[in-house]
Amino acid sequence: LDEVVGAFAARDGGRVFHTVNRVI
């Protein structure tokens, strides 16, 4: 969850999707 928030804060869409994929 922290990783997703950090990715959003960094405006790093690729990292957001990568982390969400790890959640799934």
PDBML (XML) file of the C-alpha atoms, coordinates in Angstrom:
<?xml version="1.0" encoding="UTF-8" ?>
<PDBx:datablock datablockName="MODEL"
   xmlns:PDBx="http://pdbml.pdb.org/schema/pdbx-v50.xsd"
   xmlns:xsi="http://www.w3.org/2001/XMLSchema-instance"
   xsi:schemaLocation="http://pdbml.pdb.org/schema/pdbx-v50.xsd pdbx-v50.xsd">
   <PDBx:atom_siteCategory>
      <PDBx:atom_site id="1">
         <PDBx:B_iso_or_equiv>0.00</PDBx:B_iso_or_equiv>
         <PDBx:Cartn_x>0.000</PDBx:Cartn_x>
         <PDBx:Cartn_y>0.000</PDBx:Cartn_y>
         <PDBx:Cartn_z>0.000</PDBx:Cartn_z>
         <PDBx:auth_asym_id>A</PDBx:auth_asym_id>
         <PDBx:auth_atom_id>CA</PDBx:auth_atom_id>
         <PDBx:auth_comp_id>LEU</PDBx:auth_comp_id>
         <PDBx:auth_seq_id>1</PDBx:auth_seq_id>
         <PDBx:group_PDB>ATOM</PDBx:group_PDB>
         <PDBx:label_alt_id xsi:nil="true" />
         <PDBx:label_asym_id>A</PDBx:label_asym_id>
         <PDBx:label_atom_id>CA</PDBx:label_atom_id>
         <PDBx:label_comp_id>LEU</PDBx:label_comp_id>
         <PDBx:label_entity_id>1</PDBx:label_entity_id>
         <PDBx:label_seq_id>1</PDBx:label_seq_id>
         <PDBx:occupancy>1.00</PDBx:occupancy>
         <PDBx:pdbx_PDB_model_num>1</PDBx:pdbx_PDB_model_num>
         <PDBx:type_symbol>C</PDBx:type_symbol>
      </PDBx:atom_site>
      <PDBx:atom_site id="2">
         <PDBx:B_iso_or_equiv>0.00</PDBx:B_iso_or_equiv>
         <PDBx:Cartn_x>2.846</PDBx:Cartn_x>
         <PDBx:Cartn_y>2.378</PDBx:Cartn_y>
         <PDBx:Cartn_z>0.848</PDBx:Cartn_z>
         <PDBx:auth_asym_id>A</PDBx:auth_asym_id>
         <PDBx:auth_atom_id>CA</PDBx:auth_atom_id>
         <PDBx:auth_comp_id>ASP</PDBx:auth_comp_id>
         <PDBx:auth_seq_id>2</PDBx:auth_seq_id>
         <PDBx:group_PDB>ATOM</PDBx:group_PDB>
         <PDBx:label_alt_id xsi:nil="true" />
         <PDBx:label_asym_id>A</PDBx:label_asym_id>
         <PDBx:label_atom_id>CA</PDBx:label_atom_id>
         <PDBx:label_comp_id>ASP</PDBx:label_comp_id>
         <PDBx:label_entity_id>1</PDBx:label_entity_id>
         <PDBx:label_seq_id>2</PDBx:label_seq_id>
         <PDBx:occupancy>1.00</PDBx:occupancy>
         <PDBx:pdbx_PDB_model_num>1</PDBx:pdbx_PDB_model_num>
         <PDBx:type_symbol>C</PDBx:type_symbol>
      </PDBx:atom_site>
      <PDBx:atom_site id="3">
         <PDBx:B_iso_or_equiv>0.00</PDBx:B_iso_or_equiv>
         <PDBx:Cartn_x>4.486</PDBx:Cartn_x>
         <PDBx:Cartn_y>1.524</PDBx:Cartn_y>
         <PDBx:Cartn_z>-2.455</PDBx:Cartn_z>
         <PDBx:auth_asym_id>A</PDBx:auth_asym_id>
         <PDBx:auth_atom_id>CA</PDBx:auth_atom_id>
         <PDBx:auth_comp_id>GLU</PDBx:auth_comp_id>
         <PDBx:auth_seq_id>3</PDBx:auth_seq_id>
         <PDBx:group_PDB>ATOM</PDBx:group_PDB>
         <PDBx:label_alt_id xsi:nil="true" />
         <PDBx:label_asym_id>A</PDBx:label_asym_id>
         <PDBx:label_atom_id>CA</PDBx:label_atom_id>
         <PDBx:label_comp_id>GLU</PDBx:label_comp_id>
         <PDBx:label_entity_id>1</PDBx:label_entity_id>
         <PDBx:label_seq_id>3</PDBx:label_seq_id>
         <PDBx:occupancy>1.00</PDBx:occupancy>
         <PDBx:pdbx_PDB_model_num>1</PDBx:pdbx_PDB_model_num>
         <PDBx:type_symbol>C</PDBx:type_symbol>
      </PDBx:atom_site>
      <PDBx:atom_site id="4">
         <PDBx:B_iso_or_equiv>0.00</PDBx:B_iso_or_equiv>
         <PDBx:Cartn_x>1.312</PDBx:Cartn_x>
         <PDBx:Cartn_y>2.447</PDBx:Cartn_y>
         <PDBx:Cartn_z>-4.368</PDBx:Cartn_z>
         <PDBx:auth_asym_id>A</PDBx:auth_asym_id>
         <PDBx:auth_atom_id>CA</PDBx:auth_atom_id>
         <PDBx:auth_comp_id>VAL</PDBx:auth_comp_id>
         <PDBx:auth_seq_id>4</PDBx:auth_seq_id>
         <PDBx:group_PDB>ATOM</PDBx:group_PDB>
         <PDBx:label_alt_id xsi:nil="true" />
         <PDBx:label_asym_id>A</PDBx:label_asym_id>
         <PDBx:label_atom_id>CA</PDBx:label_atom_id>
         <PDBx:label_comp_id>VAL</PDBx:label_comp_id>
         <PDBx:label_entity_id>1</PDBx:label_entity_id>
         <PDBx:label_seq_id>4</PDBx:label_seq_id>
         <PDBx:occupancy>1.00</PDBx:occupancy>
         <PDBx:pdbx_PDB_model_num>1</PDBx:pdbx_PDB_model_num>
         <PDBx:type_symbol>C</PDBx:type_symbol>
      </PDBx:atom_site>
      <PDBx:atom_site id="5">
         <PDBx:B_iso_or_equiv>0.00</PDBx:B_iso_or_equiv>
         <PDBx:Cartn_x>1.049</PDBx:Cartn_x>
         <PDBx:Cartn_y>5.752</PDBx:Cartn_y>
         <PDBx:Cartn_z>-2.505</PDBx:Cartn_z>
         <PDBx:auth_asym_id>A</PDBx:auth_asym_id>
         <PDBx:auth_atom_id>CA</PDBx:auth_atom_id>
         <PDBx:auth_comp_id>VAL</PDBx:auth_comp_id>
         <PDBx:auth_seq_id>5</PDBx:auth_seq_id>
         <PDBx:group_PDB>ATOM</PDBx:group_PDB>
         <PDBx:label_alt_id xsi:nil="true" />
         <PDBx:label_asym_id>A</PDBx:label_asym_id>
         <PDBx:label_atom_id>CA</PDBx:label_atom_id>
         <PDBx:label_comp_id>VAL</PDBx:label_comp_id>
         <PDBx:label_entity_id>1</PDBx:label_entity_id>
         <PDBx:label_seq_id>5</PDBx:label_seq_id>
         <PDBx:occupancy>1.00</PDBx:occupancy>
         <PDBx:pdbx_PDB_model_num>1</PDBx:pdbx_PDB_model_num>
         <PDBx:type_symbol>C</PDBx:type_symbol>
      </PDBx:atom_site>
      <PDBx:atom_site id="6">
         <PDBx:B_iso_or_equiv>0.00</PDBx:B_iso_or_equiv>
         <PDBx:Cartn_x>4.714</PDBx:Cartn_x>
         <PDBx:Cartn_y>6.500</PDBx:Cartn_y>
         <PDBx:Cartn_z>-3.198</PDBx:Cartn_z>
         <PDBx:auth_asym_id>A</PDBx:auth_asym_id>
         <PDBx:auth_atom_id>CA</PDBx:auth_atom_id>
         <PDBx:auth_comp_id>GLY</PDBx:auth_comp_id>
         <PDBx:auth_seq_id>6</PDBx:auth_seq_id>
         <PDBx:group_PDB>ATOM</PDBx:group_PDB>
         <PDBx:label_alt_id xsi:nil="true" />
         <PDBx:label_asym_id>A</PDBx:label_asym_id>
         <PDBx:label_atom_id>CA</PDBx:label_atom_id>
         <PDBx:label_comp_id>GLY</PDBx:label_comp_id>
         <PDBx:label_entity_id>1</PDBx:label_entity_id>
         <PDBx:label_seq_id>6</PDBx:label_seq_id>
         <PDBx:occupancy>1.00</PDBx:occupancy>
         <PDBx:pdbx_PDB_model_num>1</PDBx:pdbx_PDB_model_num>
         <PDBx:type_symbol>C</PDBx:type_symbol>
      </PDBx:atom_site>
      <PDBx:atom_site id="7">
         <PDBx:B_iso_or_equiv>0.00</PDBx:B_iso_or_equiv>
         <PDBx:Cartn_x>4.255</PDBx:Cartn_x>
         <PDBx:Cartn_y>5.736</PDBx:Cartn_y>
         <PDBx:Cartn_z>-6.891</PDBx:Cartn_z>
         <PDBx:auth_asym_id>A</PDBx:auth_asym_id>
         <PDBx:auth_atom_id>CA</PDBx:auth_atom_id>
         <PDBx:auth_comp_id>ALA</PDBx:auth_comp_id>
         <PDBx:auth_seq_id>7</PDBx:auth_seq_id>
         <PDBx:group_PDB>ATOM</PDBx:group_PDB>
         <PDBx:label_alt_id xsi:nil="true" />
         <PDBx:label_asym_id>A</PDBx:label_asym_id>
         <PDBx:label_atom_id>CA</PDBx:label_atom_id>
         <PDBx:label_comp_id>ALA</PDBx:label_comp_id>
         <PDBx:label_entity_id>1</PDBx:label_entity_id>
         <PDBx:label_seq_id>7</PDBx:label_seq_id>
         <PDBx:occupancy>1.00</PDBx:occupancy>
         <PDBx:pdbx_PDB_model_num>1</PDBx:pdbx_PDB_model_num>
         <PDBx:type_symbol>C</PDBx:type_symbol>
      </PDBx:atom_site>
      <PDBx:atom_site id="8">
         <PDBx:B_iso_or_equiv>0.00</PDBx:B_iso_or_equiv>
         <PDBx:Cartn_x>1.260</PDBx:Cartn_x>
         <PDBx:Cartn_y>8.077</PDBx:Cartn_y>
         <PDBx:Cartn_z>-7.095</PDBx:Cartn_z>
         <PDBx:auth_asym_id>A</PDBx:auth_asym_id>
         <PDBx:auth_atom_id>CA</PDBx:auth_atom_id>
         <PDBx:auth_comp_id>PHE</PDBx:auth_comp_id>
         <PDBx:auth_seq_id>8</PDBx:auth_seq_id>
         <PDBx:group_PDB>ATOM</PDBx:group_PDB>
         <PDBx:label_alt_id xsi:nil="true" />
         <PDBx:label_asym_id>A</PDBx:label_asym_id>
         <PDBx:label_atom_id>CA</PDBx:label_atom_id>
         <PDBx:label_comp_id>PHE</PDBx:label_comp_id>
         <PDBx:label_entity_id>1</PDBx:label_entity_id>
         <PDBx:label_seq_id>8</PDBx:label_seq_id>
         <PDBx:occupancy>1.00</PDBx:occupancy>
         <PDBx:pdbx_PDB_model_num>1</PDBx:pdbx_PDB_model_num>
         <PDBx:type_symbol>C</PDBx:type_symbol>
      </PDBx:atom_site>
      <PDBx:atom_site id="9">
         <PDBx:B_iso_or_equiv>0.00</PDBx:B_iso_or_equiv>
         <PDBx:Cartn_x>3.186</PDBx:Cartn_x>
         <PDBx:Cartn_y>10.774</PDBx:Cartn_y>
         <PDBx:Cartn_z>-5.251</PDBx:Cartn_z>
         <PDBx:auth_asym_id>A</PDBx:auth_asym_id>
         <PDBx:auth_atom_id>CA</PDBx:auth_atom_id>
         <PDBx:auth_comp_id>ALA</PDBx:auth_comp_id>
         <PDBx:auth_seq_id>9</PDBx:auth_seq_id>
         <PDBx:group_PDB>ATOM</PDBx:group_PDB>
         <PDBx:label_alt_id xsi:nil="true" />
         <PDBx:label_asym_id>A</PDBx:label_asym_id>
         <PDBx:label_atom_id>CA</PDBx:label_atom_id>
         <PDBx:label_comp_id>ALA</PDBx:label_comp_id>
         <PDBx:label_entity_id>1</PDBx:label_entity_id>
         <PDBx:label_seq_id>9</PDBx:label_seq_id>
         <PDBx:occupancy>1.00</PDBx:occupancy>
         <PDBx:pdbx_PDB_model_num>1</PDBx:pdbx_PDB_model_num>
         <PDBx:type_symbol>C</PDBx:type_symbol>
      </PDBx:atom_site>
      <PDBx:atom_site id="10">
         <PDBx:B_iso_or_equiv>0.00</PDBx:B_iso_or_equiv>
         <PDBx:Cartn_x>6.076</PDBx:Cartn_x>
         <PDBx:Cartn_y>10.391</PDBx:Cartn_y>
         <PDBx:Cartn_z>-7.696</PDBx:Cartn_z>
         <PDBx:auth_asym_id>A</PDBx:auth_asym_id>
         <PDBx:auth_atom_id>CA</PDBx:auth_atom_id>
         <PDBx:auth_comp_id>ALA</PDBx:auth_comp_id>
         <PDBx:auth_seq_id>10</PDBx:auth_seq_id>
         <PDBx:group_PDB>ATOM</PDBx:group_PDB>
         <PDBx:label_alt_id xsi:nil="true" />
         <PDBx:label_asym_id>A</PDBx:label_asym_id>
         <PDBx:label_atom_id>CA</PDBx:label_atom_id>
         <PDBx:label_comp_id>ALA</PDBx:label_comp_id>
         <PDBx:label_entity_id>1</PDBx:label_entity_id>
         <PDBx:label_seq_id>10</PDBx:label_seq_id>
         <PDBx:occupancy>1.00</PDBx:occupancy>
         <PDBx:pdbx_PDB_model_num>1</PDBx:pdbx_PDB_model_num>
         <PDBx:type_symbol>C</PDBx:type_symbol>
      </PDBx:atom_site>
      <PDBx:atom_site id="11">
         <PDBx:B_iso_or_equiv>0.00</PDBx:B_iso_or_equiv>
         <PDBx:Cartn_x>3.603</PDBx:Cartn_x>
         <PDBx:Cartn_y>10.481</PDBx:Cartn_y>
         <PDBx:Cartn_z>-10.602</PDBx:Cartn_z>
         <PDBx:auth_asym_id>A</PDBx:auth_asym_id>
         <PDBx:auth_atom_id>CA</PDBx:auth_atom_id>
         <PDBx:auth_comp_id>ARG</PDBx:auth_comp_id>
         <PDBx:auth_seq_id>11</PDBx:auth_seq_id>
         <PDBx:group_PDB>ATOM</PDBx:group_PDB>
         <PDBx:label_alt_id xsi:nil="true" />
         <PDBx:label_asym_id>A</PDBx:label_asym_id>
         <PDBx:label_atom_id>CA</PDBx:label_atom_id>
         <PDBx:label_comp_id>ARG</PDBx:label_comp_id>
         <PDBx:label_entity_id>1</PDBx:label_entity_id>
         <PDBx:label_seq_id>11</PDBx:label_seq_id>
         <PDBx:occupancy>1.00</PDBx:occupancy>
         <PDBx:pdbx_PDB_model_num>1</PDBx:pdbx_PDB_model_num>
         <PDBx:type_symbol>C</PDBx:type_symbol>
      </PDBx:atom_site>
      <PDBx:atom_site id="12">
         <PDBx:B_iso_or_equiv>0.00</PDBx:B_iso_or_equiv>
         <PDBx:Cartn_x>5.085</PDBx:Cartn_x>
         <PDBx:Cartn_y>7.194</PDBx:Cartn_y>
         <PDBx:Cartn_z>-11.786</PDBx:Cartn_z>
         <PDBx:auth_asym_id>A</PDBx:auth_asym_id>
         <PDBx:auth_atom_id>CA</PDBx:auth_atom_id>
         <PDBx:auth_comp_id>ASP</PDBx:auth_comp_id>
         <PDBx:auth_seq_id>12</PDBx:auth_seq_id>
         <PDBx:group_PDB>ATOM</PDBx:group_PDB>
         <PDBx:label_alt_id xsi:nil="true" />
         <PDBx:label_asym_id>A</PDBx:label_asym_id>
         <PDBx:label_atom_id>CA</PDBx:label_atom_id>
         <PDBx:label_comp_id>ASP</PDBx:label_comp_id>
         <PDBx:label_entity_id>1</PDBx:label_entity_id>
         <PDBx:label_seq_id>12</PDBx:label_seq_id>
         <PDBx:occupancy>1.00</PDBx:occupancy>
         <PDBx:pdbx_PDB_model_num>1</PDBx:pdbx_PDB_model_num>
         <PDBx:type_symbol>C</PDBx:type_symbol>
      </PDBx:atom_site>
      <PDBx:atom_site id="13">
         <PDBx:B_iso_or_equiv>0.00</PDBx:B_iso_or_equiv>
         <PDBx:Cartn_x>2.236</PDBx:Cartn_x>
         <PDBx:Cartn_y>5.445</PDBx:Cartn_y>
         <PDBx:Cartn_z>-13.590</PDBx:Cartn_z>
         <PDBx:auth_asym_id>A</PDBx:auth_asym_id>
         <PDBx:auth_atom_id>CA</PDBx:auth_atom_id>
         <PDBx:auth_comp_id>GLY</PDBx:auth_comp_id>
         <PDBx:auth_seq_id>13</PDBx:auth_seq_id>
         <PDBx:group_PDB>ATOM</PDBx:group_PDB>
         <PDBx:label_alt_id xsi:nil="true" />
         <PDBx:label_asym_id>A</PDBx:label_asym_id>
         <PDBx:label_atom_id>CA</PDBx:label_atom_id>
         <PDBx:label_comp_id>GLY</PDBx:label_comp_id>
         <PDBx:label_entity_id>1</PDBx:label_entity_id>
         <PDBx:label_seq_id>13</PDBx:label_seq_id>
         <PDBx:occupancy>1.00</PDBx:occupancy>
         <PDBx:pdbx_PDB_model_num>1</PDBx:pdbx_PDB_model_num>
         <PDBx:type_symbol>C</PDBx:type_symbol>
      </PDBx:atom_site>
      <PDBx:atom_site id="14">
         <PDBx:B_iso_or_equiv>0.00</PDBx:B_iso_or_equiv>
         <PDBx:Cartn_x>4.365</PDBx:Cartn_x>
         <PDBx:Cartn_y>2.450</PDBx:Cartn_y>
         <PDBx:Cartn_z>-14.559</PDBx:Cartn_z>
         <PDBx:auth_asym_id>A</PDBx:auth_asym_id>
         <PDBx:auth_atom_id>CA</PDBx:auth_atom_id>
         <PDBx:auth_comp_id>GLY</PDBx:auth_comp_id>
         <PDBx:auth_seq_id>14</PDBx:auth_seq_id>
         <PDBx:group_PDB>ATOM</PDBx:group_PDB>
         <PDBx:label_alt_id xsi:nil="true" />
         <PDBx:label_asym_id>A</PDBx:label_asym_id>
         <PDBx:label_atom_id>CA</PDBx:label_atom_id>
         <PDBx:label_comp_id>GLY</PDBx:label_comp_id>
         <PDBx:label_entity_id>1</PDBx:label_entity_id>
         <PDBx:label_seq_id>14</PDBx:label_seq_id>
         <PDBx:occupancy>1.00</PDBx:occupancy>
         <PDBx:pdbx_PDB_model_num>1</PDBx:pdbx_PDB_model_num>
         <PDBx:type_symbol>C</PDBx:type_symbol>
      </PDBx:atom_site>
      <PDBx:atom_site id="15">
         <PDBx:B_iso_or_equiv>0.00</PDBx:B_iso_or_equiv>
         <PDBx:Cartn_x>5.279</PDBx:Cartn_x>
         <PDBx:Cartn_y>1.802</PDBx:Cartn_y>
         <PDBx:Cartn_z>-10.942</PDBx:Cartn_z>
         <PDBx:auth_asym_id>A</PDBx:auth_asym_id>
         <PDBx:auth_atom_id>CA</PDBx:auth_atom_id>
         <PDBx:auth_comp_id>ARG</PDBx:auth_comp_id>
         <PDBx:auth_seq_id>15</PDBx:auth_seq_id>
         <PDBx:group_PDB>ATOM</PDBx:group_PDB>
         <PDBx:label_alt_id xsi:nil="true" />
         <PDBx:label_asym_id>A</PDBx:label_asym_id>
         <PDBx:label_atom_id>CA</PDBx:label_atom_id>
         <PDBx:label_comp_id>ARG</PDBx:label_comp_id>
         <PDBx:label_entity_id>1</PDBx:label_entity_id>
         <PDBx:label_seq_id>15</PDBx:label_seq_id>
         <PDBx:occupancy>1.00</PDBx:occupancy>
         <PDBx:pdbx_PDB_model_num>1</PDBx:pdbx_PDB_model_num>
         <PDBx:type_symbol>C</PDBx:type_symbol>
      </PDBx:atom_site>
      <PDBx:atom_site id="16">
         <PDBx:B_iso_or_equiv>0.00</PDBx:B_iso_or_equiv>
         <PDBx:Cartn_x>1.617</PDBx:Cartn_x>
         <PDBx:Cartn_y>2.182</PDBx:Cartn_y>
         <PDBx:Cartn_z>-9.898</PDBx:Cartn_z>
         <PDBx:auth_asym_id>A</PDBx:auth_asym_id>
         <PDBx:auth_atom_id>CA</PDBx:auth_atom_id>
         <PDBx:auth_comp_id>VAL</PDBx:auth_comp_id>
         <PDBx:auth_seq_id>16</PDBx:auth_seq_id>
         <PDBx:group_PDB>ATOM</PDBx:group_PDB>
         <PDBx:label_alt_id xsi:nil="true" />
         <PDBx:label_asym_id>A</PDBx:label_asym_id>
         <PDBx:label_atom_id>CA</PDBx:label_atom_id>
         <PDBx:label_comp_id>VAL</PDBx:label_comp_id>
         <PDBx:label_entity_id>1</PDBx:label_entity_id>
         <PDBx:label_seq_id>16</PDBx:label_seq_id>
         <PDBx:occupancy>1.00</PDBx:occupancy>
         <PDBx:pdbx_PDB_model_num>1</PDBx:pdbx_PDB_model_num>
         <PDBx:type_symbol>C</PDBx:type_symbol>
      </PDBx:atom_site>
      <PDBx:atom_site id="17">
         <PDBx:B_iso_or_equiv>0.00</PDBx:B_iso_or_equiv>
         <PDBx:Cartn_x>0.522</PDBx:Cartn_x>
         <PDBx:Cartn_y>-0.468</PDBx:Cartn_y>
         <PDBx:Cartn_z>-12.391</PDBx:Cartn_z>
         <PDBx:auth_asym_id>A</PDBx:auth_asym_id>
         <PDBx:auth_atom_id>CA</PDBx:auth_atom_id>
         <PDBx:auth_comp_id>PHE</PDBx:auth_comp_id>
         <PDBx:auth_seq_id>17</PDBx:auth_seq_id>
         <PDBx:group_PDB>ATOM</PDBx:group_PDB>
         <PDBx:label_alt_id xsi:nil="true" />
         <PDBx:label_asym_id>A</PDBx:label_asym_id>
         <PDBx:label_atom_id>CA</PDBx:label_atom_id>
         <PDBx:label_comp_id>PHE</PDBx:label_comp_id>
         <PDBx:label_entity_id>1</PDBx:label_entity_id>
         <PDBx:label_seq_id>17</PDBx:label_seq_id>
         <PDBx:occupancy>1.00</PDBx:occupancy>
         <PDBx:pdbx_PDB_model_num>1</PDBx:pdbx_PDB_model_num>
         <PDBx:type_symbol>C</PDBx:type_symbol>
      </PDBx:atom_site>
      <PDBx:atom_site id="18">
         <PDBx:B_iso_or_equiv>0.00</PDBx:B_iso_or_equiv>
         <PDBx:Cartn_x>3.429</PDBx:Cartn_x>
         <PDBx:Cartn_y>-2.747</PDBx:Cartn_y>
         <PDBx:Cartn_z>-11.468</PDBx:Cartn_z>
         <PDBx:auth_asym_id>A</PDBx:auth_asym_id>
         <PDBx:auth_atom_id>CA</PDBx:auth_atom_id>
         <PDBx:auth_comp_id>HIS</PDBx:auth_comp_id>
         <PDBx:auth_seq_id>18</PDBx:auth_seq_id>
         <PDBx:group_PDB>ATOM</PDBx:group_PDB>
         <PDBx:label_alt_id xsi:nil="true" />
         <PDBx:label_asym_id>A</PDBx:label_asym_id>
         <PDBx:label_atom_id>CA</PDBx:label_atom_id>
         <PDBx:label_comp_id>HIS</PDBx:label_comp_id>
         <PDBx:label_entity_id>1</PDBx:label_entity_id>
         <PDBx:label_seq_id>18</PDBx:label_seq_id>
         <PDBx:occupancy>1.00</PDBx:occupancy>
         <PDBx:pdbx_PDB_model_num>1</PDBx:pdbx_PDB_model_num>
         <PDBx:type_symbol>C</PDBx:type_symbol>
      </PDBx:atom_site>
      <PDBx:atom_site id="19">
         <PDBx:B_iso_or_equiv>0.00</PDBx:B_iso_or_equiv>
         <PDBx:Cartn_x>2.528</PDBx:Cartn_x>
         <PDBx:Cartn_y>-2.547</PDBx:Cartn_y>
         <PDBx:Cartn_z>-7.778</PDBx:Cartn_z>
         <PDBx:auth_asym_id>A</PDBx:auth_asym_id>
         <PDBx:auth_atom_id>CA</PDBx:auth_atom_id>
         <PDBx:auth_comp_id>THR</PDBx:auth_comp_id>
         <PDBx:auth_seq_id>19</PDBx:auth_seq_id>
         <PDBx:group_PDB>ATOM</PDBx:group_PDB>
         <PDBx:label_alt_id xsi:nil="true" />
         <PDBx:label_asym_id>A</PDBx:label_asym_id>
         <PDBx:label_atom_id>CA</PDBx:label_atom_id>
         <PDBx:label_comp_id>THR</PDBx:label_comp_id>
         <PDBx:label_entity_id>1</PDBx:label_entity_id>
         <PDBx:label_seq_id>19</PDBx:label_seq_id>
         <PDBx:occupancy>1.00</PDBx:occupancy>
         <PDBx:pdbx_PDB_model_num>1</PDBx:pdbx_PDB_model_num>
         <PDBx:type_symbol>C</PDBx:type_symbol>
      </PDBx:atom_site>
      <PDBx:atom_site id="20">
         <PDBx:B_iso_or_equiv>0.00</PDBx:B_iso_or_equiv>
         <PDBx:Cartn_x>-1.187</PDBx:Cartn_x>
         <PDBx:Cartn_y>-3.079</PDBx:Cartn_y>
         <PDBx:Cartn_z>-8.406</PDBx:Cartn_z>
         <PDBx:auth_asym_id>A</PDBx:auth_asym_id>
         <PDBx:auth_atom_id>CA</PDBx:auth_atom_id>
         <PDBx:auth_comp_id>VAL</PDBx:auth_comp_id>
         <PDBx:auth_seq_id>20</PDBx:auth_seq_id>
         <PDBx:group_PDB>ATOM</PDBx:group_PDB>
         <PDBx:label_alt_id xsi:nil="true" />
         <PDBx:label_asym_id>A</PDBx:label_asym_id>
         <PDBx:label_atom_id>CA</PDBx:label_atom_id>
         <PDBx:label_comp_id>VAL</PDBx:label_comp_id>
         <PDBx:label_entity_id>1</PDBx:label_entity_id>
         <PDBx:label_seq_id>20</PDBx:label_seq_id>
         <PDBx:occupancy>1.00</PDBx:occupancy>
         <PDBx:pdbx_PDB_model_num>1</PDBx:pdbx_PDB_model_num>
         <PDBx:type_symbol>C</PDBx:type_symbol>
      </PDBx:atom_site>
      <PDBx:atom_site id="21">
         <PDBx:B_iso_or_equiv>0.00</PDBx:B_iso_or_equiv>
         <PDBx:Cartn_x>-0.222</PDBx:Cartn_x>
         <PDBx:Cartn_y>-6.141</PDBx:Cartn_y>
         <PDBx:Cartn_z>-10.442</PDBx:Cartn_z>
         <PDBx:auth_asym_id>A</PDBx:auth_asym_id>
         <PDBx:auth_atom_id>CA</PDBx:auth_atom_id>
         <PDBx:auth_comp_id>ASN</PDBx:auth_comp_id>
         <PDBx:auth_seq_id>21</PDBx:auth_seq_id>
         <PDBx:group_PDB>ATOM</PDBx:group_PDB>
         <PDBx:label_alt_id xsi:nil="true" />
         <PDBx:label_asym_id>A</PDBx:label_asym_id>
         <PDBx:label_atom_id>CA</PDBx:label_atom_id>
         <PDBx:label_comp_id>ASN</PDBx:label_comp_id>
         <PDBx:label_entity_id>1</PDBx:label_entity_id>
         <PDBx:label_seq_id>21</PDBx:label_seq_id>
         <PDBx:occupancy>1.00</PDBx:occupancy>
         <PDBx:pdbx_PDB_model_num>1</PDBx:pdbx_PDB_model_num>
         <PDBx:type_symbol>C</PDBx:type_symbol>
      </PDBx:atom_site>
      <PDBx:atom_site id="22">
         <PDBx:B_iso_or_equiv>0.00</PDBx:B_iso_or_equiv>
         <PDBx:Cartn_x>1.733</PDBx:Cartn_x>
         <PDBx:Cartn_y>-7.429</PDBx:Cartn_y>
         <PDBx:Cartn_z>-7.425</PDBx:Cartn_z>
         <PDBx:auth_asym_id>A</PDBx:auth_asym_id>
         <PDBx:auth_atom_id>CA</PDBx:auth_atom_id>
         <PDBx:auth_comp_id>ARG</PDBx:auth_comp_id>
         <PDBx:auth_seq_id>22</PDBx:auth_seq_id>
         <PDBx:group_PDB>ATOM</PDBx:group_PDB>
         <PDBx:label_alt_id xsi:nil="true" />
         <PDBx:label_asym_id>A</PDBx:label_asym_id>
         <PDBx:label_atom_id>CA</PDBx:label_atom_id>
         <PDBx:label_comp_id>ARG</PDBx:label_comp_id>
         <PDBx:label_entity_id>1</PDBx:label_entity_id>
         <PDBx:label_seq_id>22</PDBx:label_seq_id>
         <PDBx:occupancy>1.00</PDBx:occupancy>
         <PDBx:pdbx_PDB_model_num>1</PDBx:pdbx_PDB_model_num>
         <PDBx:type_symbol>C</PDBx:type_symbol>
      </PDBx:atom_site>
      <PDBx:atom_site id="23">
         <PDBx:B_iso_or_equiv>0.00</PDBx:B_iso_or_equiv>
         <PDBx:Cartn_x>-1.398</PDBx:Cartn_x>
         <PDBx:Cartn_y>-6.912</PDBx:Cartn_y>
         <PDBx:Cartn_z>-5.294</PDBx:Cartn_z>
         <PDBx:auth_asym_id>A</PDBx:auth_asym_id>
         <PDBx:auth_atom_id>CA</PDBx:auth_atom_id>
         <PDBx:auth_comp_id>VAL</PDBx:auth_comp_id>
         <PDBx:auth_seq_id>23</PDBx:auth_seq_id>
         <PDBx:group_PDB>ATOM</PDBx:group_PDB>
         <PDBx:label_alt_id xsi:nil="true" />
         <PDBx:label_asym_id>A</PDBx:label_asym_id>
         <PDBx:label_atom_id>CA</PDBx:label_atom_id>
         <PDBx:label_comp_id>VAL</PDBx:label_comp_id>
         <PDBx:label_entity_id>1</PDBx:label_entity_id>
         <PDBx:label_seq_id>23</PDBx:label_seq_id>
         <PDBx:occupancy>1.00</PDBx:occupancy>
         <PDBx:pdbx_PDB_model_num>1</PDBx:pdbx_PDB_model_num>
         <PDBx:type_symbol>C</PDBx:type_symbol>
      </PDBx:atom_site>
      <PDBx:atom_site id="24">
         <PDBx:B_iso_or_equiv>0.00</PDBx:B_iso_or_equiv>
         <PDBx:Cartn_x>-3.410</PDBx:Cartn_x>
         <PDBx:Cartn_y>-8.995</PDBx:Cartn_y>
         <PDBx:Cartn_z>-7.777</PDBx:Cartn_z>
         <PDBx:auth_asym_id>A</PDBx:auth_asym_id>
         <PDBx:auth_atom_id>CA</PDBx:auth_atom_id>
         <PDBx:auth_comp_id>ILE</PDBx:auth_comp_id>
         <PDBx:auth_seq_id>24</PDBx:auth_seq_id>
         <PDBx:group_PDB>ATOM</PDBx:group_PDB>
         <PDBx:label_alt_id xsi:nil="true" />
         <PDBx:label_asym_id>A</PDBx:label_asym_id>
         <PDBx:label_atom_id>CA</PDBx:label_atom_id>
         <PDBx:label_comp_id>ILE</PDBx:label_comp_id>
         <PDBx:label_entity_id>1</PDBx:label_entity_id>
         <PDBx:label_seq_id>24</PDBx:label_seq_id>
         <PDBx:occupancy>1.00</PDBx:occupancy>
         <PDBx:pdbx_PDB_model_num>1</PDBx:pdbx_PDB_model_num>
         <PDBx:type_symbol>C</PDBx:type_symbol>
      </PDBx:atom_site>
   </PDBx:atom_siteCategory>
</PDBx:datablock>
